[in-house]
């Protein structure tokens, strides 16, 4: 079952500059970076209770974020909903006709299980489902 908004992801062309902006200009607490090789991204998180802002940048200039930034200067990339049972939510949403970008969840930031719903299923918005691991 969906339990909350986990994060709002913003694609950024310069991760260091964006981190500085969110720390210094907006005064948000920076929780560090993490590379997510499976998604070919580098991420940086800024908790804003009860959610987070996630900055995403292409890891080694590859992946979906790199393609996104080739077409745009950056911007809102996706909304992520936290779930306590990702497999049940996938099954429930597929039964309602939602189309996913992969057949099964993969490992995301913080070792979470993640899967994306195709934007065509959600009025043009990319939606991520995220089931946190036990120690996050």
N, C-alpha and C. Protein backbone atom coordinates (compact mmCIF):
# COMPACT_ATOMS: atom_id res chain seq x y z
N UNK A 1 0.84 -1.17 0.00
CA UNK A 1 0.00 0.00 0.00
C UNK A 1 0.89 1.25 0.00
N UNK A 2 0.51 2.23 -0.76
CA UNK A 2 1.25 3.49 -0.78
C UNK A 2 1.13 4.14 0.59
N UNK A 3 2.28 4.54 1.16
CA UNK A 3 2.28 5.09 2.51
C UNK A 3 2.69 6.55 2.59
N UNK A 4 3.19 7.13 1.50
CA UNK A 4 3.59 8.53 1.54
C UNK A 4 4.38 8.94 0.32
N UNK A 5 4.66 10.22 0.23
CA UNK A 5 5.53 10.76 -0.81
C UNK A 5 6.96 10.61 -0.32
N UNK A 6 7.76 9.80 -1.01
CA UNK A 6 9.13 9.55 -0.58
C UNK A 6 10.05 10.69 -1.00
N UNK A 7 9.98 11.09 -2.27
CA UNK A 7 10.83 12.20 -2.70
C UNK A 7 10.34 12.80 -4.00
N UNK A 8 10.84 13.99 -4.29
CA UNK A 8 10.63 14.69 -5.55
C UNK A 8 12.01 14.76 -6.19
N UNK A 9 12.16 14.20 -7.39
CA UNK A 9 13.47 14.15 -8.04
C UNK A 9 13.61 15.27 -9.07
N UNK A 10 14.75 15.93 -9.04
CA UNK A 10 15.06 17.01 -9.96
C UNK A 10 16.32 16.64 -10.72
N UNK A 11 16.22 16.58 -12.04
CA UNK A 11 17.40 16.29 -12.87
C UNK A 11 18.24 17.56 -12.95
N UNK A 12 19.54 17.42 -12.74
CA UNK A 12 20.44 18.58 -12.73
C UNK A 12 21.65 18.33 -13.62
N UNK A 13 22.04 19.33 -14.42
CA UNK A 13 23.21 19.17 -15.28
C UNK A 13 24.54 19.27 -14.52
N UNK A 14 24.57 19.97 -13.38
CA UNK A 14 25.79 20.14 -12.58
C UNK A 14 25.45 19.82 -11.13
N UNK A 15 25.79 18.61 -10.68
CA UNK A 15 25.40 18.16 -9.35
C UNK A 15 26.03 19.02 -8.26
N UNK A 16 27.29 19.33 -8.38
CA UNK A 16 27.97 20.13 -7.35
C UNK A 16 27.33 21.50 -7.19
N UNK A 17 27.04 22.16 -8.30
CA UNK A 17 26.42 23.49 -8.24
C UNK A 17 25.02 23.41 -7.63
N UNK A 18 24.28 22.35 -7.98
CA UNK A 18 22.93 22.19 -7.44
C UNK A 18 22.98 21.91 -5.93
N UNK A 19 23.93 21.10 -5.49
CA UNK A 19 24.09 20.83 -4.06
C UNK A 19 24.37 22.13 -3.33
N UNK A 20 25.29 22.92 -3.84
CA UNK A 20 25.61 24.22 -3.23
C UNK A 20 24.37 25.11 -3.16
N UNK A 21 23.59 25.15 -4.22
CA UNK A 21 22.38 25.99 -4.26
C UNK A 21 21.40 25.56 -3.18
N UNK A 22 21.12 24.25 -3.07
CA UNK A 22 20.14 23.80 -2.10
C UNK A 22 20.64 23.95 -0.66
N UNK A 23 21.97 23.82 -0.46
CA UNK A 23 22.53 24.02 0.88
C UNK A 23 22.61 25.50 1.24
N UNK A 24 23.28 26.26 0.40
CA UNK A 24 23.59 27.65 0.74
C UNK A 24 22.45 28.62 0.46
N UNK A 25 21.80 28.49 -0.68
CA UNK A 25 20.74 29.44 -1.03
C UNK A 25 19.43 29.14 -0.30
N UNK A 26 19.09 27.84 -0.20
CA UNK A 26 17.82 27.47 0.42
C UNK A 26 17.98 27.02 1.87
N UNK A 27 19.23 26.80 2.31
CA UNK A 27 19.48 26.45 3.70
C UNK A 27 19.02 25.06 4.10
N UNK A 28 18.96 24.13 3.14
CA UNK A 28 18.50 22.78 3.44
C UNK A 28 19.66 21.92 3.92
N UNK A 29 19.35 20.95 4.79
CA UNK A 29 20.35 20.02 5.30
C UNK A 29 20.72 19.02 4.22
N UNK A 30 22.01 18.89 3.94
CA UNK A 30 22.53 17.97 2.92
C UNK A 30 22.87 16.65 3.59
N UNK A 31 22.32 15.54 3.07
CA UNK A 31 22.53 14.23 3.66
C UNK A 31 23.53 13.38 2.90
N UNK A 32 24.24 13.95 1.91
CA UNK A 32 25.26 13.20 1.21
C UNK A 32 24.84 12.74 -0.17
N UNK A 33 25.80 12.12 -0.86
CA UNK A 33 25.57 11.65 -2.22
C UNK A 33 25.67 10.13 -2.25
N UNK A 34 25.11 9.57 -3.30
CA UNK A 34 25.21 8.13 -3.52
C UNK A 34 25.11 7.86 -5.01
N UNK A 35 26.04 7.07 -5.54
CA UNK A 35 25.94 6.62 -6.92
C UNK A 35 25.01 5.41 -6.97
N UNK A 36 24.16 5.37 -7.99
CA UNK A 36 23.24 4.25 -8.19
C UNK A 36 23.57 3.67 -9.57
N UNK A 37 24.54 2.76 -9.62
CA UNK A 37 24.98 2.21 -10.91
C UNK A 37 23.85 1.61 -11.74
N UNK A 38 22.89 0.95 -11.12
CA UNK A 38 21.79 0.32 -11.87
C UNK A 38 20.99 1.36 -12.65
N UNK A 39 20.88 2.58 -12.10
CA UNK A 39 20.15 3.65 -12.77
C UNK A 39 21.07 4.61 -13.51
N UNK A 40 22.39 4.37 -13.39
CA UNK A 40 23.40 5.24 -14.00
C UNK A 40 23.22 6.68 -13.55
N UNK A 41 23.04 6.86 -12.22
CA UNK A 41 22.88 8.19 -11.67
C UNK A 41 23.73 8.39 -10.43
N UNK A 42 24.04 9.64 -10.18
CA UNK A 42 24.57 10.08 -8.89
C UNK A 42 23.44 10.86 -8.24
N UNK A 43 23.22 10.63 -6.96
CA UNK A 43 22.11 11.28 -6.28
C UNK A 43 22.60 12.07 -5.08
N UNK A 44 21.85 13.08 -4.71
CA UNK A 44 22.10 13.85 -3.49
C UNK A 44 20.75 14.10 -2.84
N UNK A 45 20.69 13.92 -1.51
CA UNK A 45 19.40 14.02 -0.83
C UNK A 45 19.38 15.17 0.18
N UNK A 46 18.22 15.84 0.22
CA UNK A 46 17.94 16.93 1.15
C UNK A 46 16.60 16.65 1.81
N UNK A 47 16.58 16.08 3.01
CA UNK A 47 15.30 15.82 3.68
C UNK A 47 14.55 17.12 3.95
N UNK A 48 13.27 17.10 3.65
CA UNK A 48 12.36 18.19 3.96
C UNK A 48 11.13 17.51 4.56
N UNK A 49 11.14 17.32 5.90
CA UNK A 49 10.10 16.49 6.51
C UNK A 49 8.71 16.86 6.01
N UNK A 50 7.92 15.90 5.61
CA UNK A 50 8.07 14.46 5.70
C UNK A 50 8.41 13.85 4.35
N UNK A 51 9.26 14.49 3.55
CA UNK A 51 9.69 13.94 2.27
C UNK A 51 11.15 14.34 2.05
N UNK A 52 11.63 14.24 0.83
CA UNK A 52 13.00 14.63 0.48
C UNK A 52 13.01 15.24 -0.91
N UNK A 53 14.00 16.05 -1.17
CA UNK A 53 14.31 16.47 -2.53
C UNK A 53 15.51 15.64 -2.95
N UNK A 54 15.43 15.00 -4.10
CA UNK A 54 16.53 14.19 -4.62
C UNK A 54 17.04 14.86 -5.89
N UNK A 55 18.32 15.22 -5.90
CA UNK A 55 18.95 15.72 -7.12
C UNK A 55 19.54 14.53 -7.84
N UNK A 56 19.24 14.37 -9.13
CA UNK A 56 19.78 13.24 -9.89
C UNK A 56 20.62 13.76 -11.05
N UNK A 57 21.76 13.15 -11.25
CA UNK A 57 22.73 13.55 -12.26
C UNK A 57 23.25 12.28 -12.93
N UNK A 58 23.52 12.33 -14.23
CA UNK A 58 24.02 11.14 -14.92
C UNK A 58 25.34 10.64 -14.32
N UNK A 59 25.42 9.36 -14.07
CA UNK A 59 26.65 8.73 -13.61
C UNK A 59 27.46 8.38 -14.86
N UNK A 60 28.64 8.93 -14.99
CA UNK A 60 29.51 8.72 -16.16
C UNK A 60 28.86 9.17 -17.47
N UNK A 61 27.96 10.14 -17.40
CA UNK A 61 27.33 10.69 -18.60
C UNK A 61 26.41 9.73 -19.32
N UNK A 62 25.90 8.70 -18.61
CA UNK A 62 25.08 7.68 -19.25
C UNK A 62 23.69 7.61 -18.62
N UNK A 63 22.79 6.86 -19.25
CA UNK A 63 21.51 6.52 -18.67
C UNK A 63 20.37 7.46 -19.02
N UNK A 64 19.23 7.19 -18.40
CA UNK A 64 18.01 7.93 -18.69
C UNK A 64 18.12 9.40 -18.32
N UNK A 65 18.82 9.73 -17.24
CA UNK A 65 18.96 11.14 -16.85
C UNK A 65 19.81 11.89 -17.87
N UNK A 66 20.84 11.24 -18.41
CA UNK A 66 21.65 11.88 -19.45
C UNK A 66 20.79 12.21 -20.66
N UNK A 67 19.94 11.28 -21.06
CA UNK A 67 19.04 11.51 -22.21
C UNK A 67 18.05 12.62 -21.90
N UNK A 68 17.55 12.65 -20.68
CA UNK A 68 16.62 13.71 -20.25
C UNK A 68 17.30 15.07 -20.37
N UNK A 69 18.55 15.16 -19.88
CA UNK A 69 19.26 16.45 -19.89
C UNK A 69 19.72 16.86 -21.29
N UNK A 70 19.80 15.92 -22.21
CA UNK A 70 20.12 16.29 -23.60
C UNK A 70 18.98 17.10 -24.21
N UNK A 71 17.76 16.85 -23.74
CA UNK A 71 16.58 17.52 -24.29
C UNK A 71 16.16 18.74 -23.50
N UNK A 72 16.58 18.84 -22.22
CA UNK A 72 16.15 19.90 -21.32
C UNK A 72 17.33 20.41 -20.50
N UNK A 73 17.20 21.62 -19.95
CA UNK A 73 18.29 22.13 -19.11
C UNK A 73 18.24 21.61 -17.68
N UNK A 74 17.34 20.71 -17.38
CA UNK A 74 17.12 20.21 -16.03
C UNK A 74 15.65 20.40 -15.69
N UNK A 75 15.24 19.97 -14.53
CA UNK A 75 13.87 20.19 -14.10
C UNK A 75 13.30 18.99 -13.37
N UNK A 76 12.02 19.11 -13.03
CA UNK A 76 11.33 18.05 -12.31
C UNK A 76 11.38 16.77 -13.14
N UNK A 77 11.89 15.70 -12.57
CA UNK A 77 12.02 14.44 -13.30
C UNK A 77 10.93 13.44 -12.94
N UNK A 78 10.69 13.21 -11.64
CA UNK A 78 9.66 12.25 -11.25
C UNK A 78 9.20 12.48 -9.81
N UNK A 79 8.06 11.90 -9.49
CA UNK A 79 7.57 11.82 -8.12
C UNK A 79 7.73 10.39 -7.66
N UNK A 80 8.13 10.21 -6.42
CA UNK A 80 8.32 8.87 -5.88
C UNK A 80 7.40 8.66 -4.69
N UNK A 81 6.61 7.58 -4.75
CA UNK A 81 5.75 7.21 -3.65
C UNK A 81 6.35 6.04 -2.89
N UNK A 82 6.37 6.14 -1.57
CA UNK A 82 6.85 5.07 -0.70
C UNK A 82 5.76 4.01 -0.59
N UNK A 83 6.15 2.75 -0.56
CA UNK A 83 5.21 1.65 -0.41
C UNK A 83 5.74 0.66 0.62
N UNK A 84 4.83 -0.03 1.29
CA UNK A 84 5.27 -1.06 2.23
C UNK A 84 5.20 -2.46 1.63
N UNK A 85 4.69 -2.56 0.37
CA UNK A 85 4.64 -3.85 -0.32
C UNK A 85 4.65 -3.58 -1.83
N UNK A 86 5.83 -3.38 -2.38
CA UNK A 86 5.97 -2.99 -3.78
C UNK A 86 5.39 -4.04 -4.73
N UNK A 87 5.59 -5.31 -4.41
CA UNK A 87 5.09 -6.37 -5.30
C UNK A 87 3.56 -6.35 -5.38
N UNK A 88 2.91 -6.17 -4.24
CA UNK A 88 1.44 -6.10 -4.23
C UNK A 88 0.95 -4.86 -4.98
N UNK A 89 1.65 -3.74 -4.82
CA UNK A 89 1.25 -2.52 -5.52
C UNK A 89 1.43 -2.67 -7.03
N UNK A 90 2.52 -3.32 -7.45
CA UNK A 90 2.73 -3.55 -8.87
C UNK A 90 1.59 -4.39 -9.44
N UNK A 91 1.28 -5.48 -8.76
CA UNK A 91 0.21 -6.37 -9.21
C UNK A 91 -1.14 -5.62 -9.28
N UNK A 92 -1.44 -4.84 -8.24
CA UNK A 92 -2.69 -4.09 -8.18
C UNK A 92 -2.78 -3.06 -9.30
N UNK A 93 -1.67 -2.34 -9.54
CA UNK A 93 -1.67 -1.29 -10.57
C UNK A 93 -1.67 -1.87 -11.98
N UNK A 94 -0.96 -2.98 -12.19
CA UNK A 94 -1.00 -3.64 -13.50
C UNK A 94 -2.42 -4.09 -13.82
N UNK A 95 -3.14 -4.61 -12.81
CA UNK A 95 -4.53 -5.04 -13.01
C UNK A 95 -5.43 -3.87 -13.41
N UNK A 96 -5.03 -2.66 -13.04
CA UNK A 96 -5.79 -1.46 -13.40
C UNK A 96 -5.34 -0.88 -14.74
N UNK A 97 -4.34 -1.53 -15.39
CA UNK A 97 -3.91 -1.09 -16.70
C UNK A 97 -2.65 -0.24 -16.73
N UNK A 98 -2.01 -0.02 -15.59
CA UNK A 98 -0.77 0.77 -15.58
C UNK A 98 0.35 0.00 -16.27
N UNK A 99 1.17 0.72 -17.00
CA UNK A 99 2.31 0.14 -17.71
C UNK A 99 3.59 0.56 -16.98
N UNK A 100 4.46 -0.40 -16.72
CA UNK A 100 5.71 -0.14 -16.01
C UNK A 100 6.88 -0.12 -17.00
N UNK A 101 7.96 0.56 -16.63
CA UNK A 101 9.13 0.66 -17.51
C UNK A 101 10.03 -0.58 -17.43
N UNK A 102 9.79 -1.44 -16.45
CA UNK A 102 10.54 -2.70 -16.34
C UNK A 102 9.59 -3.78 -15.84
N UNK A 103 10.04 -5.02 -15.94
CA UNK A 103 9.20 -6.14 -15.53
C UNK A 103 9.19 -6.37 -14.02
N UNK A 104 10.25 -5.92 -13.35
CA UNK A 104 10.38 -6.17 -11.91
C UNK A 104 11.14 -5.01 -11.27
N UNK A 105 11.01 -4.85 -9.96
CA UNK A 105 11.77 -3.80 -9.26
C UNK A 105 13.27 -4.04 -9.36
N UNK A 106 14.02 -2.95 -9.26
CA UNK A 106 15.48 -3.02 -9.22
C UNK A 106 15.97 -2.33 -7.96
N UNK A 107 17.27 -2.37 -7.74
CA UNK A 107 17.86 -1.75 -6.55
C UNK A 107 18.09 -0.27 -6.83
N UNK A 108 17.55 0.58 -5.96
CA UNK A 108 17.72 2.02 -6.09
C UNK A 108 18.61 2.57 -4.99
N UNK A 109 18.58 3.88 -4.81
CA UNK A 109 19.35 4.53 -3.75
C UNK A 109 18.94 3.96 -2.40
N UNK A 110 19.88 3.91 -1.47
CA UNK A 110 19.66 3.40 -0.11
C UNK A 110 19.25 1.93 -0.10
N UNK A 111 19.58 1.18 -1.17
CA UNK A 111 19.24 -0.25 -1.29
C UNK A 111 17.74 -0.50 -1.36
N UNK A 112 16.96 0.50 -1.70
CA UNK A 112 15.51 0.33 -1.80
C UNK A 112 15.15 -0.44 -3.07
N UNK A 113 14.01 -1.10 -3.04
CA UNK A 113 13.44 -1.72 -4.24
C UNK A 113 12.62 -0.65 -4.94
N UNK A 114 12.89 -0.43 -6.24
CA UNK A 114 12.20 0.63 -6.98
C UNK A 114 11.70 0.12 -8.33
N UNK A 115 10.64 0.76 -8.82
CA UNK A 115 10.13 0.51 -10.16
C UNK A 115 9.43 1.78 -10.62
N UNK A 116 9.45 2.03 -11.92
CA UNK A 116 8.85 3.23 -12.48
C UNK A 116 7.62 2.88 -13.32
N UNK A 117 6.60 3.73 -13.20
CA UNK A 117 5.39 3.62 -14.01
C UNK A 117 5.56 4.54 -15.22
N UNK A 118 5.24 4.05 -16.39
CA UNK A 118 5.38 4.83 -17.62
C UNK A 118 4.56 6.11 -17.52
N UNK A 119 5.12 7.26 -17.94
CA UNK A 119 4.39 8.53 -17.88
C UNK A 119 3.06 8.51 -18.63
N UNK A 120 2.95 7.70 -19.68
CA UNK A 120 1.69 7.64 -20.42
C UNK A 120 0.55 7.10 -19.56
N UNK A 121 0.88 6.37 -18.50
CA UNK A 121 -0.14 5.84 -17.60
C UNK A 121 -0.58 6.86 -16.55
N UNK A 122 0.16 7.98 -16.44
CA UNK A 122 -0.07 8.94 -15.35
C UNK A 122 -0.10 10.39 -15.86
N UNK A 123 -0.80 10.63 -16.95
CA UNK A 123 -0.95 11.99 -17.48
C UNK A 123 0.39 12.69 -17.72
N UNK A 124 1.39 11.94 -18.17
CA UNK A 124 2.67 12.54 -18.52
C UNK A 124 3.67 12.67 -17.38
N UNK A 125 3.32 12.20 -16.17
CA UNK A 125 4.22 12.29 -15.02
C UNK A 125 4.87 10.93 -14.79
N UNK A 126 6.19 10.91 -14.70
CA UNK A 126 6.92 9.68 -14.36
C UNK A 126 6.75 9.45 -12.86
N UNK A 127 6.27 8.26 -12.49
CA UNK A 127 6.05 7.91 -11.08
C UNK A 127 6.95 6.75 -10.71
N UNK A 128 7.62 6.88 -9.58
CA UNK A 128 8.45 5.81 -9.04
C UNK A 128 7.76 5.26 -7.79
N UNK A 129 7.78 3.94 -7.64
CA UNK A 129 7.38 3.30 -6.39
C UNK A 129 8.66 2.83 -5.71
N UNK A 130 8.74 3.01 -4.39
CA UNK A 130 9.97 2.77 -3.64
C UNK A 130 9.62 2.04 -2.35
N UNK A 131 10.19 0.84 -2.17
CA UNK A 131 10.04 0.13 -0.90
C UNK A 131 11.38 0.16 -0.19
N UNK A 132 11.47 0.94 0.90
CA UNK A 132 12.74 1.04 1.63
C UNK A 132 13.17 -0.31 2.20
N UNK A 133 14.50 -0.50 2.28
CA UNK A 133 15.01 -1.70 2.94
C UNK A 133 14.82 -1.51 4.45
N UNK A 134 15.00 -2.56 5.20
CA UNK A 134 14.72 -2.52 6.63
C UNK A 134 15.58 -1.50 7.39
N UNK A 135 16.81 -1.27 6.95
CA UNK A 135 17.70 -0.37 7.72
C UNK A 135 17.71 1.06 7.18
N UNK A 136 16.69 1.45 6.42
CA UNK A 136 16.61 2.85 5.98
C UNK A 136 15.27 3.43 6.33
